[in-house]
Amino acid sequence: MSKMKVPAPPSGPVPWDKPFALGMLSDMLRIRRMEERAAELYGQQKIRGFLHLYIGEEAVATGALRALTPEDNVVATYREHGHALLCGIGMNAIMAEMFGKQGGCSRGRGGSMHLFDRANRFYGGQGIVGGGLPLAVGLALADKLSGRRALTACFFGEGAVAEGAFHEAMNLAALWHLPVLFCCENNLYAMGTALARSESQPELCTKAASYGMNTVSVDGMDVVAAHETMRRAAGQVREQGCPVFVEFRTFRFRAHSMFDPELYRAKEEVEAWRTRGPIHTYSARLKKQGSLSEAEFLALDAAAQAEVDAAVAFAEGSGWEPVEDFLRDVHTAQGAP
């Protein structure tokens, strides 16, 4: 069990106009309802393989991605459904991909962990811990060499900090002054090991700062703090052309994956973190300042549910990839048998 004391729930005024504020709430609800339905469908064996849910962490993707532009690149982990959705991949394509159907964004070949859409500059969905970090450095290097004024936001969990790829990527990004936003979603437990049990230096910003880059840590359960911090960090990357490390302190409410018996943390700790849930705390703040009524909340929630229903219907109606297409995009070296 983590030794970290659970902070008080996010509070205070929301400094945005009503349309933007409700858009943030809508995005978190869309992610939450999609993930909840995915869990149900997994239990029905309509979604197979691995499934890593984002429930509880919605404020990170929502706050962070609204600070980017359509020209920016995004690289994510295997817990990437919410990131993909907010980057512009339709929920229909995401759900069909989780079903393994041809209508999916990767034609059903990638499944839950390998969502991809070049048109929306969403480069995965990586099944390997830390696998997206070198890719993000490569994308940023390509942009710099081609003169594109874009940045690459790379999302990864705190477990990736133990990987050699993390240190290699941080070093090269700092050494070559590359426009990378390293976004660490620290949910305290990686796959099932508390951070303090795997890292001799659990202060992640201290690690990142050793590479000579700017760092910042923020409450990832607070969508306001997440967005404002990411907006400033993105501004630094664009203005200075150098990397920035952002630690989002968050917590997943579900197990690491659907196969995880979750024996490594106490139920009391999970329940304590649920009091900081990003959707209900943010909704309460909006209601307190008169920016949200219960009817408006219910309407946003109903719209999210309807979108999920339509996506499931699309996935169920989508066909399987024909057997004759299985070797499509499979290449061998010239002369190989």
C-alpha atoms as a PDB file:
ATOM      1  CA  MET A   1       0.000   0.000   0.000  1.00  0.00           C
ATOM      2  CA  SER A   2       1.249   3.487  -0.834  1.00  0.00           C
ATOM      3  CA  LYS A   3       2.478   5.607   2.065  1.00  0.00           C
ATOM      4  CA  MET A   4       1.251   8.756   0.343  1.00  0.00           C
ATOM      5  CA  LYS A   5      -1.453  10.609   2.241  1.00  0.00           C
ATOM      6  CA  VAL A   6      -4.559  11.196   0.160  1.00  0.00           C
ATOM      7  CA  PRO A   7      -4.871  14.978  -0.391  1.00  0.00           C
ATOM      8  CA  ALA A   8      -8.108  16.896   0.040  1.00  0.00           C
ATOM      9  CA  PRO A   9     -10.432  16.860  -2.994  1.00  0.00           C
ATOM     10  CA  PRO A  10      -9.904  19.563  -5.647  1.00  0.00           C
ATOM     11  CA  SER A  11     -11.863  22.727  -4.928  1.00  0.00           C
ATOM     12  CA  GLY A  12     -12.026  26.397  -5.795  1.00  0.00           C
ATOM     13  CA  PRO A  13     -13.486  28.338  -8.718  1.00  0.00           C
ATOM     14  CA  VAL A  14     -13.269  27.194 -12.323  1.00  0.00           C
ATOM     15  CA  PRO A  15     -11.703  30.093 -14.306  1.00  0.00           C
ATOM     16  CA  TRP A  16     -13.239  29.334 -17.714  1.00  0.00           C
ATOM     17  CA  ASP A  17     -16.281  30.476 -19.639  1.00  0.00           C
ATOM     18  CA  LYS A  18     -19.249  28.136 -19.525  1.00  0.00           C
ATOM     19  CA  PRO A  19     -18.915  26.524 -22.984  1.00  0.00           C
ATOM     20  CA  PHE A  20     -15.275  25.612 -22.375  1.00  0.00           C
ATOM     21  CA  ALA A  21     -15.974  24.426 -18.828  1.00  0.00           C
ATOM     22  CA  LEU A  22     -18.858  22.194 -19.920  1.00  0.00           C
ATOM     23  CA  GLY A  23     -16.769  20.894 -22.814  1.00  0.00           C
ATOM     24  CA  MET A  24     -14.228  19.666 -20.277  1.00  0.00           C
ATOM     25  CA  LEU A  25     -16.957  17.928 -18.285  1.00  0.00           C
ATOM     26  CA  SER A  26     -18.383  16.370 -21.441  1.00  0.00           C
ATOM     27  CA  ASP A  27     -14.985  14.960 -22.412  1.00  0.00           C
ATOM     28  CA  MET A  28     -14.488  13.336 -19.010  1.00  0.00           C
ATOM     29  CA  LEU A  29     -17.976  11.838 -19.126  1.00  0.00           C
ATOM     30  CA  ARG A  30     -17.411  10.474 -22.625  1.00  0.00           C
ATOM     31  CA  ILE A  31     -14.235   8.734 -21.491  1.00  0.00           C
ATOM     32  CA  ARG A  32     -15.826   7.387 -18.293  1.00  0.00           C
ATOM     33  CA  ARG A  33     -18.932   5.967 -19.966  1.00  0.00           C
ATOM     34  CA  MET A  34     -16.902   4.421 -22.788  1.00  0.00           C
ATOM     35  CA  GLU A  35     -14.574   2.735 -20.308  1.00  0.00           C
ATOM     36  CA  GLU A  36     -17.406   1.469 -18.134  1.00  0.00           C
ATOM     37  CA  ARG A  37     -19.103  -0.093 -21.145  1.00  0.00           C
ATOM     38  CA  ALA A  38     -15.807  -1.624 -22.282  1.00  0.00           C
ATOM     39  CA  ALA A  39     -15.544  -3.364 -18.906  1.00  0.00           C
ATOM     40  CA  GLU A  40     -19.064  -4.772 -19.322  1.00  0.00           C
ATOM     41  CA  LEU A  41     -18.309  -5.956 -22.851  1.00  0.00           C
ATOM     42  CA  TYR A  42     -15.132  -7.619 -21.665  1.00  0.00           C
ATOM     43  CA  GLY A  43     -17.167  -9.575 -19.137  1.00  0.00           C
ATOM     44  CA  GLN A  44     -19.397 -10.671 -22.027  1.00  0.00           C
ATOM     45  CA  GLN A  45     -16.270 -11.747 -23.983  1.00  0.00           C
ATOM     46  CA  LYS A  46     -17.067  -9.350 -26.807  1.00  0.00           C
ATOM     47  CA  ILE A  47     -13.758  -7.605 -26.119  1.00  0.00           C
ATOM     48  CA  ARG A  48     -10.848 -10.016 -25.744  1.00  0.00           C
ATOM     49  CA  GLY A  49      -7.153  -9.843 -24.936  1.00  0.00           C
ATOM     50  CA  PHE A  50      -5.811  -7.213 -22.561  1.00  0.00           C
ATOM     51  CA  LEU A  51      -7.916  -4.260 -21.454  1.00  0.00           C
ATOM     52  CA  HIS A  52      -6.488  -1.435 -19.338  1.00  0.00           C
ATOM     53  CA  LEU A  53      -9.095   1.059 -18.123  1.00  0.00           C
ATOM     54  CA  TYR A  54      -8.604   4.792 -17.493  1.00  0.00           C
ATOM     55  CA  ILE A  55     -11.400   5.185 -14.935  1.00  0.00           C
ATOM     56  CA  GLY A  56     -10.318   7.762 -12.347  1.00  0.00           C
ATOM     57  CA  GLU A  57      -7.634   9.368 -14.508  1.00  0.00           C
ATOM     58  CA  GLU A  58      -9.904  11.213 -16.957  1.00  0.00           C
ATOM     59  CA  ALA A  59      -8.799  14.684 -15.843  1.00  0.00           C
ATOM     60  CA  VAL A  60      -5.273  14.110 -17.137  1.00  0.00           C
ATOM     61  CA  ALA A  61      -6.111  13.369 -20.771  1.00  0.00           C
ATOM     62  CA  THR A  62      -8.944  15.913 -20.787  1.00  0.00           C
ATOM     63  CA  GLY A  63      -6.950  18.754 -19.287  1.00  0.00           C
ATOM     64  CA  ALA A  64      -3.732  17.994 -21.120  1.00  0.00           C
ATOM     65  CA  LEU A  65      -4.988  17.386 -24.636  1.00  0.00           C
ATOM     66  CA  ARG A  66      -7.041  20.592 -24.760  1.00  0.00           C
ATOM     67  CA  ALA A  67      -3.739  22.431 -24.376  1.00  0.00           C
ATOM     68  CA  LEU A  68      -2.449  21.011 -27.673  1.00  0.00           C
ATOM     69  CA  THR A  69      -3.179  21.826 -31.315  1.00  0.00           C
ATOM     70  CA  PRO A  70      -4.213  19.478 -34.164  1.00  0.00           C
ATOM     71  CA  GLU A  71      -0.674  19.814 -35.557  1.00  0.00           C
ATOM     72  CA  ASP A  72       0.918  18.314 -32.439  1.00  0.00           C
ATOM     73  CA  ASN A  73       1.817  14.642 -32.140  1.00  0.00           C
ATOM     74  CA  VAL A  74       0.523  12.430 -29.331  1.00  0.00           C
ATOM     75  CA  VAL A  75       2.072   9.158 -28.193  1.00  0.00           C
ATOM     76  CA  ALA A  76       0.360   7.141 -25.472  1.00  0.00           C
ATOM     77  CA  THR A  77       0.525   3.866 -23.544  1.00  0.00           C
ATOM     78  CA  TYR A  78      -1.701   0.783 -23.514  1.00  0.00           C
ATOM     79  CA  ARG A  79      -4.152   2.741 -21.287  1.00  0.00           C
ATOM     80  CA  GLU A  80      -4.937   5.057 -24.177  1.00  0.00           C
ATOM     81  CA  HIS A  81      -8.626   4.863 -25.081  1.00  0.00           C
ATOM     82  CA  GLY A  82      -9.368   8.305 -23.607  1.00  0.00           C
ATOM     83  CA  HIS A  83      -6.372   9.932 -25.277  1.00  0.00           C
ATOM     84  CA  ALA A  84      -7.369   8.485 -28.636  1.00  0.00           C
ATOM     85  CA  LEU A  85     -10.949   9.701 -28.258  1.00  0.00           C
ATOM     86  CA  LEU A  86      -9.932  13.257 -27.412  1.00  0.00           C
ATOM     87  CA  CYS A  87      -7.363  13.342 -30.205  1.00  0.00           C
ATOM     88  CA  GLY A  88     -10.204  12.927 -32.662  1.00  0.00           C
ATOM     89  CA  ILE A  89     -10.499   9.191 -33.272  1.00  0.00           C
ATOM     90  CA  GLY A  90     -14.226   8.485 -33.357  1.00  0.00           C
ATOM     91  CA  MET A  91     -15.709   6.328 -30.630  1.00  0.00           C
ATOM     92  CA  ASN A  92     -17.091   4.024 -33.324  1.00  0.00           C
ATOM     93  CA  ALA A  93     -13.596   3.270 -34.595  1.00  0.00           C
ATOM     94  CA  ILE A  94     -12.242   2.835 -31.063  1.00  0.00           C
ATOM     95  CA  MET A  95     -14.985   0.423 -30.013  1.00  0.00           C
ATOM     96  CA  ALA A  96     -14.724  -1.576 -33.233  1.00  0.00           C
ATOM     97  CA  GLU A  97     -10.978  -1.855 -32.717  1.00  0.00           C
ATOM     98  CA  MET A  98     -11.506  -3.225 -29.211  1.00  0.00           C
ATOM     99  CA  PHE A  99     -13.917  -5.765 -30.731  1.00  0.00           C
ATOM    100  CA  GLY A 100     -11.209  -6.722 -33.246  1.00  0.00           C
ATOM    101  CA  LYS A 101     -13.445  -5.700 -36.122  1.00  0.00           C
ATOM    102  CA  GLN A 102     -12.436  -4.336 -39.533  1.00  0.00           C
ATOM    103  CA  GLY A 103     -14.172  -1.031 -38.798  1.00  0.00           C
ATOM    104  CA  GLY A 104     -11.616  -0.291 -36.097  1.00  0.00           C
ATOM    105  CA  CYS A 105      -8.984   2.406 -36.415  1.00  0.00           C
ATOM    106  CA  SER A 106      -6.332  -0.310 -36.916  1.00  0.00           C
ATOM    107  CA  ARG A 107      -8.696  -2.582 -38.867  1.00  0.00           C
ATOM    108  CA  GLY A 108      -9.071  -4.784 -35.810  1.00  0.00           C
ATOM    109  CA  ARG A 109      -5.434  -5.857 -35.828  1.00  0.00           C
ATOM    110  CA  GLY A 110      -4.287  -3.849 -32.832  1.00  0.00           C
ATOM    111  CA  GLY A 111      -7.082  -4.145 -30.322  1.00  0.00           C
ATOM    112  CA  SER A 112      -7.274  -2.181 -27.094  1.00  0.00           C
ATOM    113  CA  MET A 113      -3.550  -1.507 -26.714  1.00  0.00           C
ATOM    114  CA  HIS A 114      -2.770  -0.411 -30.266  1.00  0.00           C
ATOM    115  CA  LEU A 115      -5.118   2.375 -31.305  1.00  0.00           C
ATOM    116  CA  PHE A 116      -3.551   4.463 -34.076  1.00  0.00           C
ATOM    117  CA  ASP A 117      -4.601   7.229 -36.442  1.00  0.00           C
ATOM    118  CA  ARG A 118      -2.045   9.036 -38.542  1.00  0.00           C
ATOM    119  CA  ALA A 119      -4.570  11.626 -39.760  1.00  0.00           C
ATOM    120  CA  ASN A 120      -5.099  12.777 -36.164  1.00  0.00           C
ATOM    121  CA  ARG A 121      -1.358  12.487 -35.416  1.00  0.00           C
ATOM    122  CA  PHE A 122      -2.103   9.857 -32.761  1.00  0.00           C
ATOM    123  CA  TYR A 123       0.810   7.432 -32.845  1.00  0.00           C
ATOM    124  CA  GLY A 124      -0.382   4.728 -30.441  1.00  0.00           C
ATOM    125  CA  GLY A 125      -1.159   2.887 -28.208  1.00  0.00           C
ATOM    126  CA  GLN A 126       2.101   1.069 -27.190  1.00  0.00           C
ATOM    127  CA  GLY A 127       1.977  -2.394 -25.633  1.00  0.00           C
ATOM    128  CA  ILE A 128       5.539  -2.176 -24.285  1.00  0.00           C
ATOM    129  CA  VAL A 129       6.158  -0.191 -21.099  1.00  0.00           C
ATOM    130  CA  GLY A 130       8.161   2.876 -22.097  1.00  0.00           C
ATOM    131  CA  GLY A 131       7.940   1.928 -25.765  1.00  0.00           C
ATOM    132  CA  GLY A 132       6.494   5.279 -26.787  1.00  0.00           C
ATOM    133  CA  LEU A 133       9.321   7.370 -25.343  1.00  0.00           C
ATOM    134  CA  PRO A 134      11.921   6.787 -28.111  1.00  0.00           C
ATOM    135  CA  LEU A 135       9.155   7.156 -30.699  1.00  0.00           C
ATOM    136  CA  ALA A 136       8.257  10.575 -29.266  1.00  0.00           C
ATOM    137  CA  VAL A 137      11.889  11.681 -29.501  1.00  0.00           C
ATOM    138  CA  GLY A 138      11.998  10.520 -33.126  1.00  0.00           C
ATOM    139  CA  LEU A 139       8.825  12.401 -34.027  1.00  0.00           C
ATOM    140  CA  ALA A 140      10.125  15.567 -32.369  1.00  0.00           C
ATOM    141  CA  LEU A 141      13.473  15.242 -34.134  1.00  0.00           C
ATOM    142  CA  ALA A 142      11.716  14.820 -37.490  1.00  0.00           C
ATOM    143  CA  ASP A 143       9.618  17.912 -36.842  1.00  0.00           C
ATOM    144  CA  LYS A 144      12.665  19.943 -35.857  1.00  0.00           C
ATOM    145  CA  LEU A 145      14.659  18.884 -38.909  1.00  0.00           C
ATOM    146  CA  SER A 146      11.736  19.611 -41.245  1.00  0.00           C
ATOM    147  CA  GLY A 147      11.029  22.998 -39.688  1.00  0.00           C
ATOM    148  CA  ARG A 148       7.542  22.102 -38.403  1.00  0.00           C
ATOM    149  CA  ARG A 149       6.481  24.175 -35.410  1.00  0.00           C
ATOM    150  CA  ALA A 150       4.817  21.338 -33.542  1.00  0.00           C
ATOM    151  CA  LEU A 151       5.460  19.500 -30.320  1.00  0.00           C
ATOM    152  CA  THR A 152       5.140  15.861 -29.345  1.00  0.00           C
ATOM    153  CA  ALA A 153       3.295  14.981 -26.152  1.00  0.00           C
ATOM    154  CA  CYS A 154       4.307  11.596 -24.811  1.00  0.00           C
ATOM    155  CA  PHE A 155       2.124  10.013 -22.112  1.00  0.00           C
ATOM    156  CA  PHE A 156       3.501   7.228 -19.936  1.00  0.00           C
ATOM    157  CA  GLY A 157       3.084   5.834 -16.440  1.00  0.00           C
ATOM    158  CA  GLU A 158       5.519   6.100 -13.562  1.00  0.00           C
ATOM    159  CA  GLY A 159       6.449   2.450 -14.117  1.00  0.00           C
ATOM    160  CA  ALA A 160       8.173   3.493 -17.351  1.00  0.00           C
ATOM    161  CA  VAL A 161      10.626   5.594 -15.333  1.00  0.00           C
ATOM    162  CA  ALA A 162      12.384   2.343 -14.394  1.00  0.00           C
ATOM    163  CA  GLU A 163      12.993   1.504 -18.071  1.00  0.00           C
ATOM    164  CA  GLY A 164      16.222   2.298 -19.853  1.00  0.00           C
ATOM    165  CA  ALA A 165      14.233   3.817 -22.706  1.00  0.00           C
ATOM    166  CA  PHE A 166      13.015   6.564 -20.353  1.00  0.00           C
ATOM    167  CA  HIS A 167      16.548   7.714 -19.557  1.00  0.00           C
ATOM    168  CA  GLU A 168      17.727   7.433 -23.155  1.00  0.00           C
ATOM    169  CA  ALA A 169      14.772   9.458 -24.389  1.00  0.00           C
ATOM    170  CA  MET A 170      15.126  12.137 -21.725  1.00  0.00           C
ATOM    171  CA  ASN A 171      18.839  12.452 -22.402  1.00  0.00           C
ATOM    172  CA  LEU A 172      18.513  12.805 -26.174  1.00  0.00           C
ATOM    173  CA  ALA A 173      15.563  15.202 -25.961  1.00  0.00           C
ATOM    174  CA  ALA A 174      17.523  17.492 -23.637  1.00  0.00           C
ATOM    175  CA  LEU A 175      20.813  17.090 -25.505  1.00  0.00           C
ATOM    176  CA  TRP A 176      19.293  17.874 -28.902  1.00  0.00           C
ATOM    177  CA  HIS A 177      16.805  20.488 -27.624  1.00  0.00           C
ATOM    178  CA  LEU A 178      13.753  18.678 -28.961  1.00  0.00           C
ATOM    179  CA  PRO A 179      10.140  19.865 -28.540  1.00  0.00           C
ATOM    180  CA  VAL A 180       8.856  16.992 -26.390  1.00  0.00           C
ATOM    181  CA  LEU A 181       6.344  17.226 -23.565  1.00  0.00           C
ATOM    182  CA  PHE A 182       7.015  14.258 -21.299  1.00  0.00           C
ATOM    183  CA  CYS A 183       3.683  13.622 -19.532  1.00  0.00           C
ATOM    184  CA  CYS A 184       4.033  11.151 -16.680  1.00  0.00           C
ATOM    185  CA  GLU A 185       0.697   9.824 -15.386  1.00  0.00           C
ATOM    186  CA  ASN A 186       1.799   8.797 -11.907  1.00  0.00           C
ATOM    187  CA  ASN A 187      -0.935   6.559 -10.476  1.00  0.00           C
ATOM    188  CA  LEU A 188       1.398   5.306  -7.723  1.00  0.00           C
ATOM    189  CA  TYR A 189       1.352   1.588  -8.475  1.00  0.00           C
ATOM    190  CA  ALA A 190       2.592   0.910 -12.020  1.00  0.00           C
ATOM    191  CA  MET A 191       1.474  -2.658 -12.769  1.00  0.00           C
ATOM    192  CA  GLY A 192       1.177  -3.595  -9.109  1.00  0.00           C
ATOM    193  CA  THR A 193       4.210  -2.276  -7.250  1.00  0.00           C
ATOM    194  CA  ALA A 194       4.132   0.899  -5.164  1.00  0.00           C
ATOM    195  CA  LEU A 195       6.468   3.596  -6.477  1.00  0.00           C
ATOM    196  CA  ALA A 196       8.575   3.673  -3.297  1.00  0.00           C
ATOM    197  CA  ARG A 197       9.219  -0.072  -3.662  1.00  0.00           C
ATOM    198  CA  SER A 198      10.638   0.235  -7.155  1.00  0.00           C
ATOM    199  CA  GLU A 199      12.463   3.581  -7.173  1.00  0.00           C
ATOM    200  CA  SER A 200      15.288   4.650  -4.883  1.00  0.00           C
ATOM    201  CA  GLN A 201      14.350   8.233  -5.827  1.00  0.00           C
ATOM    202  CA  PRO A 202      10.529   8.375  -5.905  1.00  0.00           C
ATOM    203  CA  GLU A 203      10.484  12.131  -6.651  1.00  0.00           C
ATOM    204  CA  LEU A 204      10.002  11.917 -10.389  1.00  0.00           C
ATOM    205  CA  CYS A 205      10.628  15.594 -11.088  1.00  0.00           C
ATOM    206  CA  THR A 206      14.012  15.246  -9.386  1.00  0.00           C
ATOM    207  CA  LYS A 207      14.893  12.453 -11.805  1.00  0.00           C
ATOM    208  CA  ALA A 208      13.788  14.485 -14.810  1.00  0.00           C
ATOM    209  CA  ALA A 209      15.570  17.615 -13.632  1.00  0.00           C
ATOM    210  CA  SER A 210      18.853  15.694 -13.633  1.00  0.00           C
ATOM    211  CA  TYR A 211      18.702  15.879 -17.425  1.00  0.00           C
ATOM    212  CA  GLY A 212      18.664  19.663 -17.321  1.00  0.00           C
ATOM    213  CA  MET A 213      15.048  20.211 -18.303  1.00  0.00           C
ATOM    214  CA  ASN A 214      12.213  22.153 -16.697  1.00  0.00           C
ATOM    215  CA  THR A 215       9.838  20.063 -14.590  1.00  0.00           C
ATOM    216  CA  VAL A 216       6.493  20.582 -12.889  1.00  0.00           C
ATOM    217  CA  SER A 217       4.221  18.394 -10.764  1.00  0.00           C
ATOM    218  CA  VAL A 218       0.449  18.869 -10.700  1.00  0.00           C
ATOM    219  CA  ASP A 219      -2.676  17.316  -9.203  1.00  0.00           C
ATOM    220  CA  GLY A 220      -3.879  15.055 -12.001  1.00  0.00           C
ATOM    221  CA  MET A 221      -7.293  14.612 -10.370  1.00  0.00           C
ATOM    222  CA  ASP A 222      -8.028  18.315 -10.923  1.00  0.00           C
ATOM    223  CA  VAL A 223      -8.878  19.023 -14.564  1.00  0.00           C
ATOM    224  CA  VAL A 224      -8.398  22.770 -14.039  1.00  0.00           C
ATOM    225  CA  ALA A 225      -4.894  22.363 -12.640  1.00  0.00           C
ATOM    226  CA  ALA A 226      -4.041  19.746 -15.275  1.00  0.00           C
ATOM    227  CA  HIS A 227      -5.082  21.992 -18.146  1.00  0.00           C
ATOM    228  CA  GLU A 228      -3.503  25.195 -16.901  1.00  0.00           C
ATOM    229  CA  THR A 229      -0.226  23.437 -16.084  1.00  0.00           C
ATOM    230  CA  MET A 230      -0.129  21.694 -19.444  1.00  0.00           C
ATOM    231  CA  ARG A 231      -0.932  24.940 -21.249  1.00  0.00           C
ATOM    232  CA  ARG A 232       2.038  26.662 -19.604  1.00  0.00           C
ATOM    233  CA  ALA A 233       4.324  23.697 -20.204  1.00  0.00           C
ATOM    234  CA  ALA A 234       3.336  23.525 -23.880  1.00  0.00           C
ATOM    235  CA  GLY A 235       4.059  27.237 -24.155  1.00  0.00           C
ATOM    236  CA  GLN A 236       7.556  26.683 -22.773  1.00  0.00           C
ATOM    237  CA  VAL A 237       8.236  23.913 -25.268  1.00  0.00           C
ATOM    238  CA  ARG A 238       7.041  26.048 -28.188  1.00  0.00           C
ATOM    239  CA  GLU A 239       8.901  29.181 -27.123  1.00  0.00           C
ATOM    240  CA  GLN A 240      12.184  27.545 -26.105  1.00  0.00           C
ATOM    241  CA  GLY A 241      12.183  24.521 -28.411  1.00  0.00           C
ATOM    242  CA  CYS A 242      13.258  22.266 -25.573  1.00  0.00           C
ATOM    243  CA  PRO A 243      11.634  19.435 -23.585  1.00  0.00           C
ATOM    244  CA  VAL A 244       9.557  19.798 -20.417  1.00  0.00           C
ATOM    245  CA  PHE A 245       8.587  17.074 -17.934  1.00  0.00           C
ATOM    246  CA  VAL A 246       5.118  17.173 -16.335  1.00  0.00           C
ATOM    247  CA  GLU A 247       4.123  14.804 -13.537  1.00  0.00           C
ATOM    248  CA  PHE A 248       0.356  14.309 -13.206  1.00  0.00           C
ATOM    249  CA  ARG A 249      -0.345  12.839  -9.756  1.00  0.00           C
ATOM    250  CA  THR A 250      -3.379  10.654 -10.334  1.00  0.00           C
ATOM    251  CA  PHE A 251      -4.981   7.351  -9.328  1.00  0.00           C
ATOM    252  CA  ARG A 252      -6.769   4.617 -11.234  1.00  0.00           C
ATOM    253  CA  PHE A 253      -9.956   3.374  -9.594  1.00  0.00           C
ATOM    254  CA  ARG A 254      -9.881   0.003 -11.362  1.00  0.00           C
ATOM    255  CA  ALA A 255      -7.270  -2.720 -11.407  1.00  0.00           C
ATOM    256  CA  HIS A 256      -4.209  -2.457 -13.647  1.00  0.00           C
ATOM    257  CA  SER A 257      -5.951  -4.610 -16.244  1.00  0.00           C
ATOM    258  CA  MET A 258      -8.951  -6.907 -16.361  1.00  0.00           C
ATOM    259  CA  PHE A 259      -6.650  -9.815 -15.446  1.00  0.00           C
ATOM    260  CA  ASP A 260      -5.352  -8.101 -12.293  1.00  0.00           C
ATOM    261  CA  PRO A 261      -6.668  -9.517  -8.955  1.00  0.00           C
ATOM    262  CA  GLU A 262      -5.545  -6.228  -7.312  1.00  0.00           C
ATOM    263  CA  LEU A 263      -4.062  -7.698  -4.135  1.00  0.00           C
ATOM    264  CA  TYR A 264      -1.377  -5.029  -3.717  1.00  0.00           C
ATOM    265  CA  ARG A 265      -3.450  -2.112  -2.405  1.00  0.00           C
ATOM    266  CA  ALA A 266      -6.121  -1.821   0.259  1.00  0.00           C
ATOM    267  CA  LYS A 267      -9.742  -1.214  -0.654  1.00  0.00           C
ATOM    268  CA  GLU A 268      -9.764   1.598   1.914  1.00  0.00           C
ATOM    269  CA  GLU A 269      -7.085   3.443  -0.032  1.00  0.00           C
ATOM    270  CA  VAL A 270      -9.011   3.140  -3.291  1.00  0.00           C
ATOM    271  CA  GLU A 271     -12.176   4.418  -1.604  1.00  0.00           C
ATOM    272  CA  ALA A 272     -10.254   7.345  -0.102  1.00  0.00           C
ATOM    273  CA  TRP A 273      -9.028   8.314  -3.573  1.00  0.00           C
ATOM    274  CA  ARG A 274     -12.546   7.994  -4.980  1.00  0.00           C
ATOM    275  CA  THR A 275     -13.501  11.030  -2.883  1.00  0.00           C
ATOM    276  CA  ARG A 276     -11.158  12.948  -5.205  1.00  0.00           C
ATOM    277  CA  GLY A 277     -12.844  11.628  -8.361  1.00  0.00           C
ATOM    278  CA  PRO A 278     -12.304  14.159 -11.175  1.00  0.00           C
ATOM    279  CA  ILE A 279     -15.874  14.133 -12.503  1.00  0.00           C
ATOM    280  CA  HIS A 280     -17.900  14.612  -9.334  1.00  0.00           C
ATOM    281  CA  THR A 281     -15.485  17.111  -7.741  1.00  0.00           C
ATOM    282  CA  TYR A 282     -15.368  19.199 -10.910  1.00  0.00           C
ATOM    283  CA  SER A 283     -19.160  19.048 -11.300  1.00  0.00           C
ATOM    284  CA  ALA A 284     -19.578  20.193  -7.710  1.00  0.00           C
ATOM    285  CA  ARG A 285     -17.322  23.198  -8.338  1.00  0.00           C
ATOM    286  CA  LEU A 286     -19.282  24.194 -11.432  1.00  0.00           C
ATOM    287  CA  LYS A 287     -22.602  23.863  -9.628  1.00  0.00           C
ATOM    288  CA  LYS A 288     -21.359  25.908  -6.686  1.00  0.00           C
ATOM    289  CA  GLN A 289     -20.488  28.859  -8.936  1.00  0.00           C
ATOM    290  CA  GLY A 290     -23.701  28.581 -10.948  1.00  0.00           C
ATOM    291  CA  SER A 291     -22.091  27.311 -14.163  1.00  0.00           C
ATOM    292  CA  LEU A 292     -23.852  23.937 -14.161  1.00  0.00           C
ATOM    293  CA  SER A 293     -27.332  22.755 -13.272  1.00  0.00           C
ATOM    294  CA  GLU A 294     -28.316  19.178 -12.503  1.00  0.00           C
ATOM    295  CA  ALA A 295     -30.366  19.122 -15.696  1.00  0.00           C
ATOM    296  CA  GLU A 296     -27.330  20.188 -17.733  1.00  0.00           C
ATOM    297  CA  PHE A 297     -25.207  17.504 -16.102  1.00  0.00           C
ATOM    298  CA  LEU A 298     -27.799  14.836 -16.869  1.00  0.00           C
ATOM    299  CA  ALA A 299     -28.023  16.023 -20.477  1.00  0.00           C
ATOM    300  CA  LEU A 300     -24.251  15.775 -20.938  1.00  0.00           C
ATOM    301  CA  ASP A 301     -24.237  12.341 -19.352  1.00  0.00           C
ATOM    302  CA  ALA A 302     -27.122  11.173 -21.543  1.00  0.00           C
ATOM    303  CA  ALA A 303     -25.283  12.395 -24.646  1.00  0.00           C
ATOM    304  CA  ALA A 304     -22.189  10.435 -23.601  1.00  0.00           C
ATOM    305  CA  GLN A 305     -24.276   7.321 -23.007  1.00  0.00           C
ATOM    306  CA  ALA A 306     -25.940   7.690 -26.402  1.00  0.00           C
ATOM    307  CA  GLU A 307     -22.559   8.019 -28.095  1.00  0.00           C
ATOM    308  CA  VAL A 308     -21.409   4.836 -26.384  1.00  0.00           C
ATOM    309  CA  ASP A 309     -24.584   2.984 -27.399  1.00  0.00           C
ATOM    310  CA  ALA A 310     -24.061   4.007 -31.014  1.00  0.00           C
ATOM    311  CA  ALA A 311     -20.401   2.946 -30.903  1.00  0.00           C
ATOM    312  CA  VAL A 312     -21.285  -0.493 -29.543  1.00  0.00           C
ATOM    313  CA  ALA A 313     -23.933  -0.936 -32.239  1.00  0.00           C
ATOM    314  CA  PHE A 314     -21.365   0.061 -34.870  1.00  0.00           C
ATOM    315  CA  ALA A 315     -18.786  -2.380 -33.488  1.00  0.00           C
ATOM    316  CA  GLU A 316     -21.268  -5.235 -33.347  1.00  0.00           C
ATOM    317  CA  GLY A 317     -22.349  -4.545 -36.915  1.00  0.00           C
ATOM    318  CA  SER A 318     -18.847  -4.193 -38.297  1.00  0.00           C
ATOM    319  CA  GLY A 319     -17.409  -7.165 -40.169  1.00  0.00           C
ATOM    320  CA  TRP A 320     -14.290  -9.209 -39.541  1.00  0.00           C
ATOM    321  CA  GLU A 321     -11.251  -8.741 -41.740  1.00  0.00           C
ATOM    322  CA  PRO A 322     -11.395 -11.232 -44.640  1.00  0.00           C
ATOM    323  CA  VAL A 323      -8.953 -14.127 -44.423  1.00  0.00           C
ATOM    324  CA  GLU A 324      -7.499 -13.182 -47.809  1.00  0.00           C
ATOM    325  CA  ASP A 325      -6.385  -9.818 -46.343  1.00  0.00           C
ATOM    326  CA  PHE A 326      -4.385 -11.316 -43.459  1.00  0.00           C
ATOM    327  CA  LEU A 327      -1.062 -10.889 -45.268  1.00  0.00           C
ATOM    328  CA  ARG A 328      -1.836  -7.310 -46.255  1.00  0.00           C
ATOM    329  CA  ASP A 329       0.916  -4.992 -44.974  1.00  0.00           C
ATOM    330  CA  VAL A 330       3.055  -7.976 -43.981  1.00  0.00           C
ATOM    331  CA  HIS A 331       6.459  -7.646 -45.603  1.00  0.00           C
ATOM    332  CA  THR A 332       9.535  -9.865 -45.837  1.00  0.00           C
ATOM    333  CA  ALA A 333      13.104  -9.072 -46.821  1.00  0.00           C
ATOM    334  CA  GLN A 334      13.853  -9.585 -50.489  1.00  0.00           C
ATOM    335  CA  GLY A 335      14.836 -13.182 -51.149  1.00  0.00           C
ATOM    336  CA  ALA A 336      13.429 -14.449 -47.848  1.00  0.00           C
ATOM    337  CA  PRO A 337      11.340 -17.641 -48.077  1.00  0.00           C
END
